[in-house]
Amino acid sequence: MPIATPEQYGKMLDAAQQGGYAYPGINVTSIVTINAALKAFADAKSDGIIQFSTGAGEFASGLNVKDAVHGTIVLAEAAHRLAEKYDVLIGLHTDHCQPKKVDTFLKPLIEATAARRAAGNGNLFQSHMYDGSELPLDQNIAESVELLKLCAANDIILEVEAGVVGGEEDGIDHSDMPADKLYTSPEDMVQVYEALNGLGRFMFAATFGNVHGHYKPGAVKLRPEILRDGQKAVTDKHGAAAEFDLVFHGGSGTPKAQLQETLDYGVVKMNIDTDTQYAFTRPIADHILKKYDEVMMIDGEIGAKKSYDPRTYLKLGEAGVATRLQRACDELKSTGNSIFGKV
């Protein structure tokens, strides 16, 4: 079953940490983009992570419903079925749940997994993200502790964040955030570890200047050494086993050298969204512009059905996403490292 079991998911993260690579965590919004992700991971012979935001869930539920939980469950169930045809392991994850949405989004999704487990089935999700970065650190940690306990009871890994990812993505706007908030300190990382250690497995999105979106070279000041220094502070105090499984948010447009530097500091997952959105839209726009007279019924003409059939251009978008995501696998060094069939 290519949707990883909780045990397999944990071994995926262990393999990445030990092997010095990371998995792309691609945000998807539809069956088309799920298929694009599955194609990319399978073609790269890489395991991977497919993730859903609150906005994706709302979109997937339809214009008349706009129910983020319902749409996210629909997407997750579709991913379970579609992944059956592939020979790589896939983890399902939800992205950036802010404090105000915990009761209406995150907890219902944890309950959906709990219900499946009670019925003798596997987890619907392998991990969730709680983004309490807008809160004071003590409050963020306190809420993370309670959510981690809830996740651990259902063999779910919780991703937490301290420090703020700048920019704007999917309705979360931190574009005016003061610069000092974009960097997690070593002291913060030690505090997070000491609060969460022993409660259940978690991933940590420490921030080092990350910004959502895509910016011209030089506009974003990444400082990967922050991850190095934070890991060192934790392991110096608590031993090598305390090394975090780190997550890199805002990875679109990052120079390859900086991206790969983070792998040396314990990054096992990098989110990719903006770049794959563009990779989806670009070939569709190219198709529309080049075949405008066929796509549109102009001056009483009838157009060309094959050109305006949505399947024609959506397949182009699917292929575009798959190509960009496979490049991410190459850059993150997960290509060829699937553990499917080995665990």
Protein backbone atom coordinates (compact mmCIF):
# COMPACT_ATOMS: atom_id res chain seq x y z
CA MET A 1 0.00 0.00 0.00
CA PRO A 2 1.97 3.06 -1.18
CA ILE A 3 0.32 5.46 1.31
CA ALA A 4 2.78 4.83 4.10
CA THR A 5 1.76 3.28 7.38
CA PRO A 6 2.79 5.30 10.45
CA GLU A 7 5.73 2.95 10.91
CA GLN A 8 6.80 3.31 7.27
CA TYR A 9 6.45 7.09 7.45
CA GLY A 10 8.73 7.22 10.45
CA LYS A 11 11.27 5.07 8.60
CA MET A 12 11.03 7.41 5.60
CA LEU A 13 12.06 10.32 7.82
CA ASP A 14 14.80 8.24 9.44
CA ALA A 15 16.16 7.26 6.02
CA ALA A 16 16.23 10.87 4.88
CA GLN A 17 17.99 12.01 8.05
CA GLN A 18 20.58 9.24 7.83
CA GLY A 19 21.00 9.55 4.07
CA GLY A 20 21.39 13.31 3.93
CA TYR A 21 18.38 13.99 1.72
CA ALA A 22 14.90 15.46 2.07
CA TYR A 23 11.45 14.85 0.63
CA PRO A 24 9.54 17.47 -1.32
CA GLY A 25 6.26 18.17 0.41
CA ILE A 26 4.03 19.32 -2.44
CA ASN A 27 0.82 21.21 -1.84
CA VAL A 28 -2.00 19.87 -4.03
CA THR A 29 -5.55 21.04 -4.67
CA SER A 30 -7.13 18.48 -7.00
CA ILE A 31 -6.97 14.99 -8.48
CA VAL A 32 -4.93 16.44 -11.34
CA THR A 33 -2.23 17.75 -9.01
CA ILE A 34 -2.29 14.57 -6.89
CA ASN A 35 -1.64 12.59 -10.07
CA ALA A 36 1.16 14.97 -11.01
CA ALA A 37 2.81 14.41 -7.63
CA LEU A 38 2.47 10.63 -7.85
CA LYS A 39 3.93 10.62 -11.36
CA ALA A 40 6.91 12.73 -10.28
CA PHE A 41 7.73 10.64 -7.22
CA ALA A 42 7.36 7.38 -9.15
CA ASP A 43 9.46 8.60 -12.09
CA ALA A 44 12.15 9.81 -9.67
CA LYS A 45 11.97 6.57 -7.66
CA SER A 46 11.56 8.80 -4.64
CA ASP A 47 9.19 8.53 -1.73
CA GLY A 48 7.43 11.78 -1.00
CA ILE A 49 4.88 13.84 0.88
CA ILE A 50 1.61 15.17 -0.49
CA GLN A 51 0.01 17.90 1.57
CA PHE A 52 -3.21 19.86 1.75
CA SER A 53 -3.85 23.36 3.05
CA THR A 54 -7.10 24.71 4.46
CA GLY A 55 -7.55 26.64 1.22
CA ALA A 56 -7.04 23.50 -0.85
CA GLY A 57 -9.68 21.68 1.16
CA GLU A 58 -12.15 24.50 0.75
CA PHE A 59 -11.47 24.65 -3.00
CA ALA A 60 -11.82 20.89 -3.41
CA SER A 61 -15.21 20.86 -1.67
CA GLY A 62 -16.72 23.09 -4.39
CA LEU A 63 -18.09 26.59 -4.66
CA ASN A 64 -21.40 25.77 -2.98
CA VAL A 65 -19.88 23.93 -0.03
CA LYS A 66 -16.54 25.59 0.84
CA ASP A 67 -15.87 23.14 3.67
CA ALA A 68 -12.12 22.79 4.26
CA VAL A 69 -12.42 19.60 6.31
CA HIS A 70 -14.73 17.86 3.87
CA GLY A 71 -12.62 18.81 0.86
CA THR A 72 -9.39 17.76 2.54
CA ILE A 73 -10.82 14.36 3.43
CA VAL A 74 -12.01 13.93 -0.16
CA LEU A 75 -8.52 14.73 -1.46
CA ALA A 76 -6.87 12.42 1.08
CA GLU A 77 -9.19 9.53 0.24
CA ALA A 78 -8.54 10.09 -3.46
CA ALA A 79 -4.81 10.03 -2.83
CA HIS A 80 -5.13 6.72 -0.98
CA ARG A 81 -6.89 5.14 -3.96
CA LEU A 82 -4.70 6.67 -6.66
CA ALA A 83 -1.47 5.76 -4.88
CA GLU A 84 -2.37 2.07 -4.97
CA LYS A 85 -1.02 1.92 -8.53
CA TYR A 86 2.47 3.16 -7.64
CA ASP A 87 5.59 1.62 -6.15
CA VAL A 88 6.84 4.43 -3.93
CA LEU A 89 5.77 5.38 -0.40
CA ILE A 90 3.70 8.52 0.09
CA GLY A 91 2.91 10.37 3.30
CA LEU A 92 -0.20 12.56 3.56
CA HIS A 93 0.16 15.78 5.50
CA THR A 94 -1.78 18.99 6.16
CA ASP A 95 -0.10 22.37 6.00
CA HIS A 96 -0.19 25.55 8.14
CA CYS A 97 -3.14 25.23 10.49
CA GLN A 98 -3.20 28.42 12.53
CA PRO A 99 -4.52 28.55 16.11
CA LYS A 100 -7.95 29.89 15.16
CA LYS A 101 -8.51 26.88 12.88
CA VAL A 102 -7.41 24.11 15.23
CA ASP A 103 -10.92 23.26 16.43
CA THR A 104 -12.53 23.55 12.99
CA PHE A 105 -9.80 21.96 10.83
CA LEU A 106 -6.99 20.14 12.60
CA LYS A 107 -8.94 18.34 15.32
CA PRO A 108 -11.69 17.09 12.97
CA LEU A 109 -9.02 15.65 10.69
CA ILE A 110 -7.32 13.91 13.60
CA GLU A 111 -10.75 12.53 14.52
CA ALA A 112 -11.17 11.27 10.93
CA THR A 113 -8.00 9.21 11.33
CA ALA A 114 -9.12 8.03 14.77
CA ALA A 115 -12.41 6.83 13.28
CA ARG A 116 -10.61 4.90 10.55
CA ARG A 117 -8.33 3.28 13.11
CA ALA A 118 -11.30 2.31 15.28
CA ALA A 119 -12.80 0.60 12.23
CA GLY A 120 -9.61 -1.42 11.74
CA ASN A 121 -8.27 0.67 8.85
CA GLY A 122 -5.04 2.61 8.46
CA ASN A 123 -4.41 6.28 9.13
CA LEU A 124 -6.01 8.79 6.79
CA PHE A 125 -3.08 11.17 7.48
CA GLN A 126 0.47 10.49 8.60
CA SER A 127 1.26 14.01 9.79
CA HIS A 128 -0.27 17.43 10.38
CA MET A 129 1.18 20.89 10.82
CA TYR A 130 0.24 23.22 13.63
CA ASP A 131 1.46 26.74 12.89
CA GLY A 132 1.39 28.60 16.18
CA SER A 133 4.14 30.99 15.11
CA GLU A 134 1.83 34.02 15.45
CA LEU A 135 1.64 33.39 19.21
CA PRO A 136 4.21 34.15 21.90
CA LEU A 137 6.59 31.19 22.04
CA ASP A 138 5.41 29.95 25.46
CA GLN A 139 1.80 29.85 24.28
CA ASN A 140 2.78 28.30 20.94
CA ILE A 141 4.63 25.54 22.77
CA ALA A 142 1.81 24.94 25.25
CA GLU A 143 -0.69 24.42 22.43
CA SER A 144 1.82 22.29 20.51
CA VAL A 145 2.21 20.04 23.55
CA GLU A 146 -1.53 19.33 23.72
CA LEU A 147 -1.80 18.71 19.99
CA LEU A 148 1.25 16.46 19.96
CA LYS A 149 -0.33 14.29 22.66
CA LEU A 150 -3.50 14.04 20.59
CA CYS A 151 -1.55 13.17 17.43
CA ALA A 152 0.68 10.66 19.18
CA ALA A 153 -2.37 8.77 20.44
CA ASN A 154 -3.22 8.15 16.77
CA ASP A 155 0.33 7.48 15.48
CA ILE A 156 0.38 10.86 13.72
CA ILE A 157 3.50 13.02 13.53
CA LEU A 158 3.00 16.71 14.34
CA GLU A 159 4.94 19.44 12.58
CA VAL A 160 5.36 22.62 14.62
CA GLU A 161 6.86 26.01 13.82
CA ALA A 162 8.65 28.64 15.87
CA GLY A 163 9.59 31.84 14.10
CA VAL A 164 7.55 33.15 11.20
CA VAL A 165 7.78 32.36 7.49
CA GLY A 166 7.41 35.67 5.67
CA GLY A 167 5.45 36.47 2.53
CA GLU A 168 1.93 35.36 1.65
CA GLU A 169 0.53 31.94 0.83
CA ASP A 170 -2.99 30.58 0.72
CA GLY A 171 -4.51 33.40 2.74
CA ILE A 172 -1.74 33.53 5.37
CA ASP A 173 -0.05 36.92 5.01
CA HIS A 174 3.18 37.67 6.86
CA SER A 175 4.52 40.06 4.24
CA ASP A 176 4.87 42.89 6.78
CA MET A 177 6.54 40.78 9.47
CA PRO A 178 9.56 42.43 11.16
CA ALA A 179 12.84 40.89 9.99
CA ASP A 180 13.84 39.61 13.43
CA LYS A 181 10.72 37.42 13.54
CA LEU A 182 11.93 35.49 10.47
CA TYR A 183 14.78 33.81 12.36
CA THR A 184 14.48 31.15 15.06
CA SER A 185 17.12 31.44 17.77
CA PRO A 186 19.13 28.53 19.22
CA GLU A 187 17.50 29.25 22.57
CA ASP A 188 14.06 28.89 20.99
CA MET A 189 15.07 25.57 19.45
CA VAL A 190 16.26 24.23 22.80
CA GLN A 191 13.02 25.35 24.44
CA VAL A 192 10.93 23.59 21.77
CA TYR A 193 12.90 20.37 22.12
CA GLU A 194 12.71 20.29 25.91
CA ALA A 195 8.94 20.89 25.87
CA LEU A 196 8.04 18.32 23.21
CA ASN A 197 10.62 15.58 23.70
CA GLY A 198 9.11 12.31 24.83
CA LEU A 199 5.50 13.19 24.01
CA GLY A 200 5.50 11.79 20.46
CA ARG A 201 7.34 12.20 17.21
CA PHE A 202 7.40 15.68 15.71
CA MET A 203 9.02 17.70 12.94
CA PHE A 204 10.16 21.26 13.46
CA ALA A 205 9.91 24.15 11.02
CA ALA A 206 12.59 26.46 12.33
CA THR A 207 12.80 29.67 10.32
CA PHE A 208 15.97 31.12 8.87
CA GLY A 209 14.67 33.95 6.69
CA ASN A 210 12.23 31.78 4.73
CA VAL A 211 9.58 33.59 2.70
CA HIS A 212 6.54 32.14 0.96
CA GLY A 213 6.20 33.02 -2.69
CA HIS A 214 8.75 33.61 -5.43
CA TYR A 215 11.14 36.53 -5.41
CA LYS A 216 13.95 37.81 -7.56
CA PRO A 217 17.47 36.64 -6.61
CA GLY A 218 18.81 38.54 -3.63
CA ALA A 219 15.40 39.64 -2.33
CA VAL A 220 15.28 36.92 0.33
CA LYS A 221 18.08 36.72 2.90
CA LEU A 222 18.29 33.08 3.90
CA ARG A 223 20.64 32.15 6.74
CA PRO A 224 20.86 28.34 6.79
CA GLU A 225 23.55 28.52 9.46
CA ILE A 226 20.74 29.24 11.92
CA LEU A 227 19.65 25.63 11.53
CA ARG A 228 23.21 24.44 12.11
CA ASP A 229 23.61 26.55 15.23
CA GLY A 230 20.22 25.56 16.62
CA GLN A 231 20.85 21.86 16.09
CA LYS A 232 24.23 22.21 17.78
CA ALA A 233 22.70 23.96 20.80
CA VAL A 234 20.22 21.12 21.21
CA THR A 235 22.61 18.23 20.66
CA ASP A 236 25.33 19.79 22.82
CA LYS A 237 22.88 19.84 25.71
CA HIS A 238 20.90 16.65 25.07
CA GLY A 239 23.06 14.41 22.89
CA ALA A 240 23.11 13.38 19.24
CA ALA A 241 19.73 11.63 19.47
CA ALA A 242 18.10 15.02 20.06
CA GLU A 243 18.71 16.17 16.48
CA PHE A 244 15.55 17.65 14.99
CA ASP A 245 13.79 16.45 11.84
CA LEU A 246 13.66 19.92 10.30
CA VAL A 247 11.26 21.29 7.68
CA PHE A 248 12.14 23.98 5.14
CA HIS A 249 9.18 26.24 4.34
CA GLY A 250 9.22 28.78 1.52
CA GLY A 251 11.61 26.76 -0.64
CA SER A 252 10.40 27.94 -4.06
CA GLY A 253 13.11 29.81 -5.92
CA THR A 254 15.86 28.94 -3.44
CA PRO A 255 19.31 28.63 -5.06
CA LYS A 256 20.38 24.98 -5.27
CA ALA A 257 23.50 25.47 -3.14
CA GLN A 258 21.57 27.01 -0.24
CA LEU A 259 18.86 24.41 -0.54
CA GLN A 260 21.35 21.57 -0.32
CA GLU A 261 23.23 23.23 2.54
CA THR A 262 20.13 22.80 4.70
CA LEU A 263 20.30 19.02 4.18
CA ASP A 264 23.55 19.00 6.14
CA TYR A 265 21.73 20.55 9.08
CA GLY A 266 18.90 18.03 9.37
CA VAL A 267 16.20 19.16 6.92
CA VAL A 268 14.14 16.11 5.89
CA LYS A 269 11.19 17.87 4.22
CA MET A 270 10.95 20.94 2.01
CA ASN A 271 7.59 22.44 1.10
CA ILE A 272 7.05 23.34 -2.55
CA ASP A 273 3.97 25.19 -3.74
CA THR A 274 4.64 28.44 -5.60
CA ASP A 275 6.99 26.83 -8.12
CA THR A 276 4.59 23.98 -8.84
CA GLN A 277 1.64 26.37 -9.17
CA TYR A 278 3.57 28.19 -11.87
CA ALA A 279 4.63 24.91 -13.47
CA PHE A 280 0.94 24.00 -13.71
CA THR A 281 -0.24 27.31 -15.14
CA ARG A 282 2.57 28.05 -17.60
CA PRO A 283 1.86 25.26 -20.13
CA ILE A 284 -1.87 25.92 -19.90
CA ALA A 285 -1.35 29.61 -20.66
CA ASP A 286 0.95 28.65 -23.53
CA HIS A 287 -1.75 26.37 -24.93
CA ILE A 288 -4.46 29.04 -24.66
CA LEU A 289 -2.34 31.77 -26.21
CA LYS A 290 -1.06 29.68 -29.09
CA LYS A 291 -4.44 28.13 -29.86
CA TYR A 292 -6.65 31.07 -28.95
CA ASP A 293 -8.73 30.84 -32.11
CA GLU A 294 -9.34 27.15 -31.43
CA VAL A 295 -10.08 27.50 -27.73
CA MET A 296 -12.44 30.45 -28.18
CA MET A 297 -15.45 30.63 -30.51
CA ILE A 298 -14.56 33.90 -32.23
CA ASP A 299 -16.68 35.78 -34.77
CA GLY A 300 -19.26 33.03 -35.00
CA GLU A 301 -16.73 30.23 -35.53
CA ILE A 302 -17.03 26.93 -33.66
CA GLY A 303 -13.50 26.59 -32.31
CA ALA A 304 -11.81 23.21 -32.01
CA LYS A 305 -13.24 20.83 -29.43
CA LYS A 306 -9.95 19.05 -28.80
CA SER A 307 -8.34 22.37 -27.94
CA TYR A 308 -10.96 23.55 -25.46
CA ASP A 309 -11.58 20.13 -23.92
CA PRO A 310 -10.29 20.73 -20.34
CA ARG A 311 -8.52 17.37 -20.40
CA THR A 312 -6.25 18.62 -23.17
CA TYR A 313 -4.76 21.47 -21.18
CA LEU A 314 -5.07 19.93 -17.71
CA LYS A 315 -2.81 17.09 -18.86
CA LEU A 316 -0.27 19.74 -19.85
CA GLY A 317 -0.52 21.22 -16.36
CA GLU A 318 -0.11 17.79 -14.79
CA ALA A 319 3.02 17.14 -16.84
CA GLY A 320 4.41 20.58 -15.94
CA VAL A 321 4.02 19.96 -12.21
CA ALA A 322 5.53 16.49 -12.50
CA THR A 323 8.60 17.86 -14.29
CA ARG A 324 9.16 20.60 -11.70
CA LEU A 325 8.61 18.25 -8.77
CA GLN A 326 11.03 15.70 -10.18
CA ARG A 327 13.62 18.47 -10.32
CA ALA A 328 12.93 19.11 -6.64
CA CYS A 329 13.58 15.44 -5.91
CA ASP A 330 16.90 15.71 -7.74
CA GLU A 331 17.92 18.86 -5.86
CA LEU A 332 16.89 17.43 -2.49
CA LYS A 333 18.71 14.19 -3.33
CA SER A 334 15.70 11.95 -2.72
CA THR A 335 15.80 10.63 -6.30
CA GLY A 336 16.49 6.90 -6.37
CA ASN A 337 16.15 6.58 -2.59
CA SER A 338 12.70 5.03 -2.21
CA ILE A 339 12.48 2.56 0.65
CA PHE A 340 9.33 0.99 -0.81
CA GLY A 341 9.55 -2.79 -0.48
CA LYS A 342 12.36 -2.51 2.07
CA VAL A 343 10.28 -1.72 5.17
